[in-house]
Every structure is written in structure tokens, then in C-alpha cells.
């Protein structure tokens, strides 16, 4: 039971993010030219079930492979084991703040650099259908980090290690670097369906913005997960969204 408790905590945290996407679904449905084939509430329920199943699988994937490659979620495990939480949290605070602010500013700069080349429909739809701040922080900050870093990145580190090294050797840096790159690119590509829903026109600049823009922050989050722990990546992701929200408000 002690080993299950941190996994339950991770799942429940991720579930908060899943539930936070519910208000966005009716807005996305308005982009469809045809009337939905079922009530909006039913579509929302299906979306929650599908996302929860994916979350559950990624929590299990991370549980199997993270410890095999020296990756961890120190604060969650400290809470689950009733040990010193602050001791585990303290080393993560400053890197999360710096990583989040740097990542948020990087995304703002990148957007301003390519926005003039993006389809006008995408710009207008993006401004109209901006997710609520709590969805950005809960789903983006928590759920995406559990899915991408805890689940996928942990697995890729292990898989690359098994391909490139003997099982009894020390895990080398390139395994983590390649896993960060691969998981970040998947993270970026995972945003394409929403982008395609927002824009009827798909251009090279749109693909560049969605994949490279999101992957760039994935490199920061992946590094922080590797060096400090999952909570550091989560904190940085939250701070990145707060940074962008604050910048947009000031603008």
C-alpha cells in the first residue's frame, strides 16, 4: 500500500487537470461545421474517461521505469511516506522559478517572431478560445508533466539505455538527453490537433510554431525533471504559464 500511495497522489493531481478542461470542450465544438452527434455533457464525460485512462497508464509507466533510471518525484514520495516534505521541496523552488520565467519569456519571444507568418484564423481563434488560467496551470502544469515527463520521458530513458548500453552499466548522459528531445517533440506534436481545429489552413510556420515552440519548453522541463525531480518540472510549467498570462495582461 505504501508503494501505491504516491501513484494515487500523482493520479489525483493529474485528474485535477483533466477536469479543468471541461469548460473548453463546448467552445471547441463551436468550431465544428456540423452539430455534435451527442449532447455536450456526453462528449465531456467521454473526454474525461479517455484522458483519465491515458493518465492512469502514464502514471503506471512512470512507476515502472522512473526508478530504473534514477528519476523520481521526491515531494510526492515524501508526502506519501510522511517524511520531510520541505527538505525535498526546497532544492526545487529556485530552479523551477528560473526555468519557468525563462521558458515563458522564450515562448513569448518565439511567438512574436513568427506571429506575422501564422494563419490569421489561427491568431483570431487562439485569442477567442484561450483556455482559462486554471486550465493552463492545472492541466498544462501538472497533467502534461505527469504524462510527458513522468510517463514518456522515463520510459524513453530506459529504452534508449537498453538499446545503447549493457544492462549492468552506469546510465550515461546521452540517454537522458535523447529522451528529453524525443519526449519534448512528442509533447509539441501533441498540440497539433488543437492547432488544426483552430485553423483551416495548415502552413509550415504553423507546424514550426506548434512543435518547436512547445518542444523548446519541453527541453527545460525535461532537464529539470532529470536533475531535480518531477515537481521542479511541474513548478516551472506553472510559472511559465503565469509569466505568459502576466505578460499578456500587461500588453
Protein backbone atom coordinates (compact mmCIF):
# COMPACT_ATOMS: atom_id res chain seq x y z
CA UNK A 1 0.00 0.00 0.00
CA UNK A 2 2.90 2.36 0.76
CA UNK A 3 4.15 1.98 -2.82
CA UNK A 4 0.69 2.67 -4.23
CA UNK A 5 0.08 5.86 -2.26
CA UNK A 6 2.43 8.14 -4.28
CA UNK A 7 0.97 6.79 -7.51
CA UNK A 8 -2.55 7.51 -6.27
CA UNK A 9 -1.46 11.04 -5.37
CA UNK A 10 0.05 11.55 -8.83
CA UNK A 11 -3.12 10.30 -10.49
CA UNK A 12 -5.37 12.54 -8.38
CA UNK A 13 -3.21 15.57 -9.11
CA UNK A 14 -3.33 14.80 -12.82
CA UNK A 15 -7.09 14.30 -12.60
CA UNK A 16 -7.49 17.90 -11.42
CA UNK A 17 -6.04 18.98 -14.73
CA UNK A 18 -8.26 16.60 -16.67
CA UNK A 19 -11.37 18.03 -15.02
CA UNK A 20 -10.19 21.56 -15.71
CA UNK A 21 -10.53 21.05 -19.48
CA UNK A 22 -14.30 20.55 -19.27
CA UNK A 23 -15.19 24.23 -19.89
CA UNK A 24 -13.10 24.27 -23.08
CA UNK A 25 -14.93 21.41 -24.80
CA UNK A 26 -18.16 23.36 -25.65
CA UNK A 27 -16.00 26.14 -27.11
CA UNK A 28 -14.09 23.71 -29.30
CA UNK A 29 -17.33 22.15 -30.51
CA UNK A 30 -18.42 25.53 -31.87
CA UNK A 31 -15.53 25.28 -34.36
CA UNK A 32 -17.04 22.19 -35.94
CA UNK A 33 -19.20 22.88 -39.02
CA UNK A 34 -21.71 20.16 -38.06
CA UNK A 35 -23.82 19.74 -34.97
CA UNK A 36 -22.29 17.33 -32.39
CA UNK A 37 -23.65 13.78 -32.71
CA UNK A 38 -24.46 13.64 -28.98
CA UNK A 39 -25.11 16.02 -26.08
CA UNK A 40 -22.19 18.16 -24.94
CA UNK A 41 -22.32 16.60 -21.48
CA UNK A 42 -21.82 13.14 -23.00
CA UNK A 43 -18.84 14.38 -25.03
CA UNK A 44 -17.35 15.90 -21.89
CA UNK A 45 -17.82 12.62 -19.99
CA UNK A 46 -16.13 10.64 -22.77
CA UNK A 47 -13.24 13.13 -22.85
CA UNK A 48 -12.74 12.80 -19.09
CA UNK A 49 -12.80 8.98 -19.26
CA UNK A 50 -10.34 8.86 -22.18
CA UNK A 51 -7.97 11.37 -20.58
CA UNK A 52 -8.18 9.60 -17.22
CA UNK A 53 -7.30 6.25 -18.77
CA UNK A 54 -4.29 7.81 -20.52
CA UNK A 55 -3.26 9.48 -17.27
CA UNK A 56 -3.55 6.19 -15.39
CA UNK A 57 -1.37 4.41 -17.96
CA UNK A 58 1.29 7.14 -17.85
CA UNK A 59 1.36 7.06 -14.04
CA UNK A 60 1.95 3.30 -14.21
CA UNK A 61 4.57 3.69 -16.95
CA UNK A 62 6.48 6.15 -14.83
CA UNK A 63 6.14 3.93 -11.78
CA UNK A 64 7.78 1.07 -13.64
CA UNK A 65 10.59 2.91 -15.40
CA UNK A 66 11.41 6.11 -13.46
CA UNK A 67 13.15 4.36 -10.59
CA UNK A 68 15.03 2.11 -13.02
CA UNK A 69 16.79 5.18 -14.45
CA UNK A 70 17.12 7.32 -11.33
CA UNK A 71 14.19 9.65 -11.98
CA UNK A 72 11.78 10.48 -9.20
CA UNK A 73 9.03 12.65 -7.76
CA UNK A 74 10.63 13.46 -4.39
CA UNK A 75 7.93 15.71 -2.92
CA UNK A 76 5.08 13.32 -3.76
CA UNK A 77 7.00 10.40 -2.29
CA UNK A 78 7.82 12.45 0.81
CA UNK A 79 4.14 13.24 1.29
CA UNK A 80 3.19 9.60 0.77
CA UNK A 81 5.80 8.39 3.23
CA UNK A 82 5.22 11.19 5.78
CA UNK A 83 8.86 12.30 5.63
CA UNK A 84 10.29 15.84 5.47
CA UNK A 85 8.45 17.48 2.55
CA UNK A 86 10.22 20.85 2.80
CA UNK A 87 13.62 19.17 2.60
CA UNK A 88 12.65 17.72 -0.79
CA UNK A 89 10.86 20.85 -2.00
CA UNK A 90 13.49 23.45 -1.11
CA UNK A 91 16.08 22.49 -3.79
CA UNK A 92 13.37 22.67 -6.46
CA UNK A 93 11.94 26.13 -5.83
CA UNK A 94 14.61 28.37 -7.35
CA UNK A 95 15.29 26.20 -10.44
CA UNK A 96 11.53 25.98 -11.06
CA UNK A 97 11.17 29.76 -10.84
CA UNK A 98 14.11 30.46 -13.17
CA UNK A 99 13.14 27.71 -15.60
CA UNK A 100 9.51 28.82 -15.68
CA UNK A 101 10.24 32.51 -16.23
CA UNK A 102 12.88 31.71 -18.87
CA UNK A 103 10.53 29.28 -20.60
CA UNK A 104 7.61 31.71 -20.55
CA UNK A 105 9.72 34.55 -21.95
CA UNK A 106 11.18 32.24 -24.59
CA UNK A 107 7.69 31.28 -25.78
CA UNK A 108 6.59 34.92 -25.87
CA UNK A 109 9.65 35.92 -27.92
CA UNK A 110 9.20 32.97 -30.28
CA UNK A 111 5.51 33.77 -30.79
CA UNK A 112 6.24 37.41 -31.57
CA UNK A 113 8.91 36.32 -34.05
CA UNK A 114 6.60 34.04 -36.05
CA UNK A 115 3.13 35.50 -35.42
CA UNK A 116 3.27 37.56 -38.60
CA UNK A 117 3.59 34.34 -40.61
CA UNK A 118 0.83 32.37 -38.87
CA UNK A 119 -2.65 31.97 -40.45
CA UNK A 120 -4.95 34.85 -39.38
CA UNK A 121 -7.68 32.36 -38.48
CA UNK A 122 -5.33 30.69 -36.00
CA UNK A 123 -4.45 34.02 -34.37
CA UNK A 124 -8.10 35.07 -34.01
CA UNK A 125 -9.27 31.67 -32.78
CA UNK A 126 -6.39 31.46 -30.33
CA UNK A 127 -7.32 34.81 -28.83
CA UNK A 128 -11.02 33.91 -28.70
CA UNK A 129 -10.67 30.40 -27.30
CA UNK A 130 -7.88 30.94 -24.81
CA UNK A 131 -8.19 28.30 -22.04
CA UNK A 132 -8.97 29.60 -18.53
CA UNK A 133 -5.96 30.38 -16.36
CA UNK A 134 -6.70 27.41 -14.08
CA UNK A 135 -6.70 25.01 -17.03
CA UNK A 136 -3.29 26.28 -18.15
CA UNK A 137 -1.89 25.83 -14.66
CA UNK A 138 -3.60 22.57 -13.69
CA UNK A 139 -3.64 20.70 -17.00
CA UNK A 140 -0.55 22.28 -18.52
CA UNK A 141 1.42 22.48 -15.31
CA UNK A 142 0.51 19.19 -13.66
CA UNK A 143 -1.22 16.76 -16.01
CA UNK A 144 1.05 17.31 -19.02
CA UNK A 145 4.16 16.90 -16.86
CA UNK A 146 2.88 13.60 -15.47
CA UNK A 147 2.04 12.38 -18.97
CA UNK A 148 5.16 13.56 -20.78
CA UNK A 149 7.93 13.65 -18.21
CA UNK A 150 6.89 11.06 -15.61
CA UNK A 151 5.45 8.65 -18.17
CA UNK A 152 7.07 9.04 -21.59
CA UNK A 153 10.45 10.51 -20.72
CA UNK A 154 11.09 7.91 -18.01
CA UNK A 155 10.26 5.15 -20.47
CA UNK A 156 12.45 6.61 -23.24
CA UNK A 157 15.45 6.96 -20.93
CA UNK A 158 15.14 3.28 -20.05
CA UNK A 159 14.50 2.18 -23.67
CA UNK A 160 17.46 4.14 -25.06
CA UNK A 161 19.67 2.85 -22.24
CA UNK A 162 18.76 -0.75 -23.05
CA UNK A 163 19.48 -0.16 -26.76
CA UNK A 164 22.78 1.70 -26.38
CA UNK A 165 24.31 0.16 -23.24
CA UNK A 166 24.68 -3.11 -21.39
CA UNK A 167 22.15 -3.68 -18.64
CA UNK A 168 24.76 -3.66 -15.86
CA UNK A 169 26.47 -0.37 -16.84
CA UNK A 170 26.03 3.14 -15.46
CA UNK A 171 23.38 5.13 -17.33
CA UNK A 172 25.16 7.74 -19.44
CA UNK A 173 24.10 11.32 -20.09
CA UNK A 174 23.11 10.76 -23.72
CA UNK A 175 20.21 8.53 -22.63
CA UNK A 176 18.61 11.40 -20.73
CA UNK A 177 19.35 13.97 -23.43
CA UNK A 178 17.83 11.87 -26.20
CA UNK A 179 14.81 11.04 -24.04
CA UNK A 180 14.29 14.75 -23.31
CA UNK A 181 14.42 15.56 -27.04
CA UNK A 182 12.08 12.75 -28.09
CA UNK A 183 9.52 13.34 -25.34
CA UNK A 184 9.62 17.11 -25.97
CA UNK A 185 8.97 16.65 -29.69
CA UNK A 186 6.06 14.34 -28.88
CA UNK A 187 4.82 16.97 -26.44
CA UNK A 188 4.98 19.58 -29.20
CA UNK A 189 3.31 17.35 -31.78
CA UNK A 190 0.57 16.56 -29.27
CA UNK A 191 -0.66 20.14 -29.62
CA UNK A 192 -1.23 19.81 -33.38
CA UNK A 193 -4.86 18.54 -33.26
CA UNK A 194 -5.95 21.65 -31.35
CA UNK A 195 -4.00 23.86 -33.74
CA UNK A 196 -5.63 22.21 -36.74
CA UNK A 197 -9.04 22.69 -35.14
CA UNK A 198 -8.31 26.39 -34.72
CA UNK A 199 -7.05 26.94 -38.25
CA UNK A 200 -8.39 25.56 -41.54
CA UNK A 201 -5.06 26.49 -43.14
CA UNK A 202 -2.01 24.40 -42.21
CA UNK A 203 1.30 26.07 -43.04
CA UNK A 204 4.93 25.30 -42.37
CA UNK A 205 5.16 28.22 -39.97
CA UNK A 206 2.16 26.91 -38.04
CA UNK A 207 3.79 23.48 -37.71
CA UNK A 208 7.06 25.15 -36.71
CA UNK A 209 5.37 27.29 -34.08
CA UNK A 210 3.37 24.45 -32.52
CA UNK A 211 6.06 21.76 -32.49
CA UNK A 212 9.22 23.81 -31.88
CA UNK A 213 7.57 26.30 -29.53
CA UNK A 214 6.18 23.64 -27.22
CA UNK A 215 9.22 21.38 -27.56
CA UNK A 216 11.51 24.25 -26.53
CA UNK A 217 9.87 24.42 -23.13
CA UNK A 218 9.89 20.63 -23.00
CA UNK A 219 13.69 20.75 -23.07
CA UNK A 220 13.67 22.96 -19.97
CA UNK A 221 11.09 20.83 -18.15
CA UNK A 222 12.85 17.60 -19.10
CA UNK A 223 16.17 18.87 -17.79
CA UNK A 224 14.59 19.96 -14.50
CA UNK A 225 12.88 16.58 -14.11
CA UNK A 226 16.19 14.84 -14.70
CA UNK A 227 18.22 17.00 -12.34
CA UNK A 228 15.73 17.97 -9.63
CA UNK A 229 12.58 15.88 -9.84
CA UNK A 230 9.08 15.92 -11.28
CA UNK A 231 7.83 18.70 -9.01
CA UNK A 232 10.52 21.04 -10.34
CA UNK A 233 9.25 20.47 -13.90
CA UNK A 234 5.66 20.95 -12.72
CA UNK A 235 6.56 24.17 -10.93
CA UNK A 236 8.43 25.51 -13.95
CA UNK A 237 5.49 24.70 -16.24
CA UNK A 238 3.11 26.54 -13.92
CA UNK A 239 5.43 29.55 -13.67
CA UNK A 240 5.82 29.63 -17.46
CA UNK A 241 2.05 29.94 -17.87
CA UNK A 242 1.85 32.57 -15.12
CA UNK A 243 4.64 34.50 -16.86
CA UNK A 244 2.78 34.44 -20.19
CA UNK A 245 -0.54 35.37 -18.54
CA UNK A 246 1.12 38.31 -16.77
CA UNK A 247 2.85 39.46 -19.98
CA UNK A 248 -0.41 39.33 -21.93
CA UNK A 249 -2.18 41.28 -19.21
CA UNK A 250 0.50 43.98 -19.27
CA UNK A 251 0.39 44.08 -23.06
